[in-house]
Amino acid sequence: YIDNYSYYRKNVKKADLPIIPFIFAHLEELTILEEKTDYTSEGLIDWTKQRSISEIIFEIKKYQRKSYTDPSDPELNTFILSRIEFMISALKKRNMDLEHTIWDISRDIQANEKKT
């Protein structure tokens, strides 16, 4: 797993559901795992890799188990819209391919949150 999201992972595991997960953290973990070979050096299936992938998928599915009771929470809507606007402005500034843009957006959000 990636140390960049260790704080996120630690806190999201103890949060009460429902929550809105930062899906890019999970997708990045899956991407890194997918880049690894499917077999061990002995030519056997790498079950550790397969188990790690399934744990991430089950964690993502966990967030879908409970419904939101009040989707019209103004504070939540304001927060989500501010994040979307921030991401859009970051995309416009960079004009990069999606893979690099997601990484840059994540880094900018973290830097922005440290300032506040």
C-alpha atoms as a PDB file:
ATOM      1  CA  TYR A   1       0.000   0.000   0.000  1.00  0.00           C
ATOM      2  CA  ILE A   2       0.979   3.607  -0.441  1.00  0.00           C
ATOM      3  CA  ASP A   3       2.063   5.702   2.522  1.00  0.00           C
ATOM      4  CA  ASN A   4       0.497   8.807   0.936  1.00  0.00           C
ATOM      5  CA  TYR A   5      -2.943   7.638   1.996  1.00  0.00           C
ATOM      6  CA  SER A   6      -2.093   6.056   5.345  1.00  0.00           C
ATOM      7  CA  TYR A   7      -3.764   8.902   7.294  1.00  0.00           C
ATOM      8  CA  TYR A   8      -6.855   8.654   5.078  1.00  0.00           C
ATOM      9  CA  ARG A   9      -7.063   4.863   5.409  1.00  0.00           C
ATOM     10  CA  LYS A  10      -6.639   4.973   9.181  1.00  0.00           C
ATOM     11  CA  ASN A  11      -9.450   7.501   9.620  1.00  0.00           C
ATOM     12  CA  VAL A  12     -11.858   6.113   7.048  1.00  0.00           C
ATOM     13  CA  LYS A  13     -11.751   2.678   8.725  1.00  0.00           C
ATOM     14  CA  LYS A  14     -13.009   4.117  12.021  1.00  0.00           C
ATOM     15  CA  ALA A  15     -15.583   6.471  10.459  1.00  0.00           C
ATOM     16  CA  ASP A  16     -19.285   5.749  10.808  1.00  0.00           C
ATOM     17  CA  LEU A  17     -21.094   4.848   7.611  1.00  0.00           C
ATOM     18  CA  PRO A  18     -22.260   6.283   5.352  1.00  0.00           C
ATOM     19  CA  ILE A  19     -19.201   8.144   4.103  1.00  0.00           C
ATOM     20  CA  ILE A  20     -18.020   9.339   0.721  1.00  0.00           C
ATOM     21  CA  PRO A  21     -14.700   7.607   0.101  1.00  0.00           C
ATOM     22  CA  PHE A  22     -11.835   9.230  -1.763  1.00  0.00           C
ATOM     23  CA  ILE A  23     -12.024   6.694  -4.564  1.00  0.00           C
ATOM     24  CA  PHE A  24      -8.734   7.763  -6.148  1.00  0.00           C
ATOM     25  CA  ALA A  25      -6.847   6.375  -3.138  1.00  0.00           C
ATOM     26  CA  HIS A  26      -8.413   2.961  -3.711  1.00  0.00           C
ATOM     27  CA  LEU A  27      -7.928   3.109  -7.472  1.00  0.00           C
ATOM     28  CA  GLU A  28      -4.265   3.980  -7.044  1.00  0.00           C
ATOM     29  CA  GLU A  29      -3.775   0.997  -4.735  1.00  0.00           C
ATOM     30  CA  LEU A  30      -5.510  -1.288  -7.251  1.00  0.00           C
ATOM     31  CA  THR A  31      -3.376   0.090 -10.086  1.00  0.00           C
ATOM     32  CA  ILE A  32      -0.159  -0.568  -8.202  1.00  0.00           C
ATOM     33  CA  LEU A  33      -1.263  -4.099  -7.359  1.00  0.00           C
ATOM     34  CA  GLU A  34      -2.327  -4.752 -10.945  1.00  0.00           C
ATOM     35  CA  GLU A  35       1.122  -3.769 -12.207  1.00  0.00           C
ATOM     36  CA  LYS A  36       2.687  -6.548 -10.139  1.00  0.00           C
ATOM     37  CA  THR A  37       3.098  -9.960 -11.711  1.00  0.00           C
ATOM     38  CA  ASP A  38       0.349 -12.522 -11.114  1.00  0.00           C
ATOM     39  CA  TYR A  39       2.879 -15.217 -10.248  1.00  0.00           C
ATOM     40  CA  THR A  40       5.525 -15.757  -7.598  1.00  0.00           C
ATOM     41  CA  SER A  41       9.162 -16.377  -8.489  1.00  0.00           C
ATOM     42  CA  GLU A  42       8.357 -20.111  -8.234  1.00  0.00           C
ATOM     43  CA  GLY A  43       5.701 -19.774 -10.946  1.00  0.00           C
ATOM     44  CA  LEU A  44       2.756 -20.126  -8.540  1.00  0.00           C
ATOM     45  CA  ILE A  45      -0.262 -17.820  -8.425  1.00  0.00           C
ATOM     46  CA  ASP A  46       0.451 -14.858  -6.163  1.00  0.00           C
ATOM     47  CA  TRP A  47      -2.425 -15.278  -3.724  1.00  0.00           C
ATOM     48  CA  THR A  48      -1.187 -12.376  -1.586  1.00  0.00           C
ATOM     49  CA  LYS A  49      -1.756 -10.048  -4.537  1.00  0.00           C
ATOM     50  CA  GLN A  50      -5.201 -11.536  -5.200  1.00  0.00           C
ATOM     51  CA  ARG A  51      -6.160 -11.231  -1.514  1.00  0.00           C
ATOM     52  CA  SER A  52      -5.038  -7.589  -1.414  1.00  0.00           C
ATOM     53  CA  ILE A  53      -7.120  -6.772  -4.494  1.00  0.00           C
ATOM     54  CA  SER A  54     -10.199  -8.450  -3.030  1.00  0.00           C
ATOM     55  CA  GLU A  55      -9.768  -6.602   0.297  1.00  0.00           C
ATOM     56  CA  ILE A  56      -9.753  -3.252  -1.503  1.00  0.00           C
ATOM     57  CA  ILE A  57     -12.837  -4.187  -3.548  1.00  0.00           C
ATOM     58  CA  PHE A  58     -14.703  -5.376  -0.439  1.00  0.00           C
ATOM     59  CA  GLU A  59     -13.793  -2.141   1.338  1.00  0.00           C
ATOM     60  CA  ILE A  60     -15.213  -0.099  -1.544  1.00  0.00           C
ATOM     61  CA  LYS A  61     -18.388  -2.218  -1.537  1.00  0.00           C
ATOM     62  CA  LYS A  62     -18.731  -1.615   2.220  1.00  0.00           C
ATOM     63  CA  TYR A  63     -19.419   2.059   1.490  1.00  0.00           C
ATOM     64  CA  GLN A  64     -22.414   1.072  -0.646  1.00  0.00           C
ATOM     65  CA  ARG A  65     -24.200  -0.881   2.101  1.00  0.00           C
ATOM     66  CA  LYS A  66     -25.828   2.017   3.915  1.00  0.00           C
ATOM     67  CA  SER A  67     -27.857   4.779   2.291  1.00  0.00           C
ATOM     68  CA  TYR A  68     -27.641   8.453   3.080  1.00  0.00           C
ATOM     69  CA  THR A  69     -30.635   9.640   5.056  1.00  0.00           C
ATOM     70  CA  ASP A  70     -30.422  13.346   4.202  1.00  0.00           C
ATOM     71  CA  PRO A  71     -28.833  14.009   0.822  1.00  0.00           C
ATOM     72  CA  SER A  72     -29.847  17.677   0.931  1.00  0.00           C
ATOM     73  CA  ASP A  73     -27.457  18.685   3.738  1.00  0.00           C
ATOM     74  CA  PRO A  74     -26.382  22.216   2.705  1.00  0.00           C
ATOM     75  CA  GLU A  75     -23.012  22.003   4.470  1.00  0.00           C
ATOM     76  CA  LEU A  76     -22.179  18.732   2.738  1.00  0.00           C
ATOM     77  CA  ASN A  77     -23.320  20.068  -0.636  1.00  0.00           C
ATOM     78  CA  THR A  78     -21.137  23.167  -0.225  1.00  0.00           C
ATOM     79  CA  PHE A  79     -18.134  21.030   0.687  1.00  0.00           C
ATOM     80  CA  ILE A  80     -18.594  18.686  -2.280  1.00  0.00           C
ATOM     81  CA  LEU A  81     -19.125  21.558  -4.726  1.00  0.00           C
ATOM     82  CA  SER A  82     -16.007  23.335  -3.469  1.00  0.00           C
ATOM     83  CA  ARG A  83     -13.971  20.161  -4.074  1.00  0.00           C
ATOM     84  CA  ILE A  84     -15.409  19.752  -7.565  1.00  0.00           C
ATOM     85  CA  GLU A  85     -14.658  23.392  -8.404  1.00  0.00           C
ATOM     86  CA  PHE A  86     -11.118  22.994  -7.084  1.00  0.00           C
ATOM     87  CA  MET A  87     -10.586  19.868  -9.190  1.00  0.00           C
ATOM     88  CA  ILE A  88     -11.968  21.532 -12.323  1.00  0.00           C
ATOM     89  CA  SER A  89      -9.714  24.561 -11.887  1.00  0.00           C
ATOM     90  CA  ALA A  90      -6.713  22.267 -11.367  1.00  0.00           C
ATOM     91  CA  LEU A  91      -7.609  20.390 -14.566  1.00  0.00           C
ATOM     92  CA  LYS A  92      -7.868  23.615 -16.540  1.00  0.00           C
ATOM     93  CA  LYS A  93      -4.515  24.866 -15.217  1.00  0.00           C
ATOM     94  CA  ARG A  94      -2.597  21.773 -16.197  1.00  0.00           C
ATOM     95  CA  ASN A  95      -4.064  20.409 -19.414  1.00  0.00           C
ATOM     96  CA  MET A  96      -2.371  17.044 -18.720  1.00  0.00           C
ATOM     97  CA  ASP A  97      -3.458  13.483 -19.319  1.00  0.00           C
ATOM     98  CA  LEU A  98      -5.860  12.048 -16.740  1.00  0.00           C
ATOM     99  CA  GLU A  99      -3.346   9.754 -15.028  1.00  0.00           C
ATOM    100  CA  HIS A 100      -1.030  12.634 -14.103  1.00  0.00           C
ATOM    101  CA  THR A 101      -3.845  15.087 -13.452  1.00  0.00           C
ATOM    102  CA  ILE A 102      -5.407  12.912 -10.734  1.00  0.00           C
ATOM    103  CA  TRP A 103      -2.054  12.711  -8.940  1.00  0.00           C
ATOM    104  CA  ASP A 104      -1.539  16.485  -9.175  1.00  0.00           C
ATOM    105  CA  ILE A 105      -5.057  17.236  -7.965  1.00  0.00           C
ATOM    106  CA  SER A 106      -4.579  14.988  -4.966  1.00  0.00           C
ATOM    107  CA  ARG A 107      -1.274  16.684  -4.134  1.00  0.00           C
ATOM    108  CA  ASP A 108      -2.839  20.172  -4.513  1.00  0.00           C
ATOM    109  CA  ILE A 109      -5.771  19.262  -2.261  1.00  0.00           C
ATOM    110  CA  GLN A 110      -3.397  18.011   0.424  1.00  0.00           C
ATOM    111  CA  ALA A 111      -1.286  21.195   0.156  1.00  0.00           C
ATOM    112  CA  ASN A 112      -4.407  23.363   0.251  1.00  0.00           C
ATOM    113  CA  GLU A 113      -5.711  21.591   3.371  1.00  0.00           C
ATOM    114  CA  LYS A 114      -2.349  22.080   5.151  1.00  0.00           C
ATOM    115  CA  LYS A 115      -2.627  25.842   4.549  1.00  0.00           C
ATOM    116  CA  THR A 116      -6.031  26.061   6.242  1.00  0.00           C
END
